[in-house]
Amino acid sequence: MRALEATTLRLFVSSLAAWGLACKQSPRASAPPADAGMVVTVYVPPKSVDRLMGRLATVAAQHRWVLSVRTDSAALGEADLVIVDSGGRFVGRPRPGSAAAAQARQMAEAVLGSRAP
């Protein structure tokens, strides 16, 4: 084998090795969040579902939460987060004592851009 061919072969093999190492997922990135799989139930007024659904789904996907969006009146007392239209502005109200209260607050902050009570 000539020197030029050997050098080319070494460069090719080393670039394959570097590419393989670069494509490995870091162990920290592969670990799911502690609350992954948490079901967050959100009540949204029926007229507002189209406006909020995309943002709700995006936040739930980022945190790996299972999202349940309800528009029925029974959900007002059962949902982890109730979103209401107050004077043309959406307001999020987490249900006290909910198993997903912390997630509901995070959801309200991310989707509505304001701190939930």
Protein backbone atom coordinates (compact mmCIF):
# COMPACT_ATOMS: atom_id res chain seq x y z
CA MET A 1 0.00 0.00 0.00
CA ARG A 2 1.34 3.37 -0.91
CA ALA A 3 1.66 6.20 1.60
CA LEU A 4 -1.10 8.27 -0.01
CA GLU A 5 -3.58 5.38 0.10
CA ALA A 6 -2.66 4.60 3.73
CA THR A 7 -3.14 8.23 4.75
CA THR A 8 -6.51 8.36 3.00
CA LEU A 9 -7.59 5.14 4.69
CA ARG A 10 -6.51 6.45 8.13
CA LEU A 11 -8.42 9.70 7.59
CA PHE A 12 -11.51 7.80 6.52
CA VAL A 13 -11.45 5.42 9.50
CA SER A 14 -10.79 8.20 12.01
CA SER A 15 -13.60 10.33 10.60
CA LEU A 16 -15.98 7.35 10.87
CA ALA A 17 -14.92 6.84 14.49
CA ALA A 18 -15.39 10.53 15.29
CA TRP A 19 -18.79 10.55 13.60
CA GLY A 20 -19.86 7.48 15.58
CA LEU A 21 -18.82 9.03 18.87
CA ALA A 22 -20.50 12.34 18.04
CA CYS A 23 -23.80 10.61 17.32
CA LYS A 24 -23.98 8.93 20.72
CA GLN A 25 -26.69 10.35 22.95
CA SER A 26 -25.45 11.63 26.25
CA PRO A 27 -26.72 9.68 29.28
CA ARG A 28 -28.19 12.84 30.79
CA ALA A 29 -30.23 13.59 27.67
CA SER A 30 -31.77 10.14 27.57
CA ALA A 31 -33.06 10.22 31.13
CA PRO A 32 -36.74 11.20 31.23
CA PRO A 33 -37.86 13.97 33.57
CA ALA A 34 -38.99 12.84 37.03
CA ASP A 35 -42.60 13.70 36.21
CA ALA A 36 -42.64 12.16 32.71
CA GLY A 37 -45.90 10.38 32.05
CA MET A 38 -47.83 12.59 34.49
CA VAL A 39 -51.40 13.19 33.30
CA VAL A 40 -52.31 16.88 33.32
CA THR A 41 -56.01 17.55 32.82
CA VAL A 42 -56.86 21.01 31.52
CA TYR A 43 -60.30 22.60 31.19
CA VAL A 44 -60.54 25.04 28.29
CA PRO A 45 -63.72 26.91 27.26
CA PRO A 46 -65.09 25.29 24.08
CA LYS A 47 -64.67 28.50 22.06
CA SER A 48 -60.99 28.75 23.00
CA VAL A 49 -59.77 25.24 22.25
CA ASP A 50 -58.51 26.10 18.77
CA ARG A 51 -56.49 29.04 20.10
CA LEU A 52 -54.82 27.16 22.97
CA MET A 53 -54.51 23.54 21.87
CA GLY A 54 -51.22 23.95 20.01
CA ARG A 55 -49.50 25.69 22.92
CA LEU A 56 -50.85 23.17 25.45
CA ALA A 57 -49.66 20.23 23.34
CA THR A 58 -46.22 21.78 22.85
CA VAL A 59 -45.65 22.31 26.58
CA ALA A 60 -46.91 18.82 27.41
CA ALA A 61 -44.59 17.28 24.81
CA GLN A 62 -41.57 19.22 26.07
CA HIS A 63 -42.13 17.89 29.60
CA ARG A 64 -43.30 14.43 28.44
CA TRP A 65 -46.64 14.89 30.18
CA VAL A 66 -49.82 13.21 29.05
CA LEU A 67 -52.32 15.95 28.20
CA SER A 68 -56.07 15.65 28.66
CA VAL A 69 -58.01 18.67 27.39
CA ARG A 70 -61.66 18.84 28.39
CA THR A 71 -64.39 21.28 27.50
CA ASP A 72 -67.31 19.82 29.46
CA SER A 73 -68.73 21.61 32.49
CA ALA A 74 -67.87 18.69 34.81
CA ALA A 75 -64.19 19.36 34.13
CA LEU A 76 -64.45 22.70 35.94
CA GLY A 77 -64.26 20.86 39.26
CA GLU A 78 -62.03 17.98 38.18
CA ALA A 79 -59.29 19.49 36.00
CA ASP A 80 -55.78 20.16 37.32
CA LEU A 81 -55.79 23.48 35.46
CA VAL A 82 -58.83 25.56 34.57
CA ILE A 83 -58.31 28.17 31.87
CA VAL A 84 -61.01 30.84 31.68
CA ASP A 85 -61.47 33.94 29.60
CA SER A 86 -61.49 36.90 31.96
CA GLY A 87 -62.20 40.16 30.19
CA GLY A 88 -60.65 38.98 26.92
CA ARG A 89 -57.56 37.63 28.66
CA PHE A 90 -56.91 33.98 29.49
CA VAL A 91 -56.32 33.19 33.15
CA GLY A 92 -55.12 29.84 34.48
CA ARG A 93 -56.27 28.52 37.84
CA PRO A 94 -54.63 25.35 39.16
CA ARG A 95 -56.90 23.20 41.33
CA PRO A 96 -55.67 23.17 44.94
CA GLY A 97 -54.74 19.71 46.18
CA SER A 98 -54.36 18.31 42.68
CA ALA A 99 -51.74 15.59 42.19
CA ALA A 100 -50.46 17.56 39.21
CA ALA A 101 -50.68 21.06 40.78
CA ALA A 102 -47.02 21.86 40.14
CA GLN A 103 -47.31 20.76 36.53
CA ALA A 104 -50.53 22.79 36.15
CA ARG A 105 -48.71 25.92 37.36
CA GLN A 106 -45.87 25.30 34.91
CA MET A 107 -48.41 24.72 32.13
CA ALA A 108 -50.21 28.00 32.92
CA GLU A 109 -46.95 29.95 33.00
CA ALA A 110 -45.73 28.49 29.72
CA VAL A 111 -49.01 28.69 27.80
CA LEU A 112 -50.46 31.90 29.17
CA GLY A 113 -47.25 33.71 29.98
CA SER A 114 -48.37 34.65 33.45
CA ARG A 115 -47.92 33.28 36.93
CA ALA A 116 -50.78 31.11 38.11
CA PRO A 117 -52.05 31.64 41.65
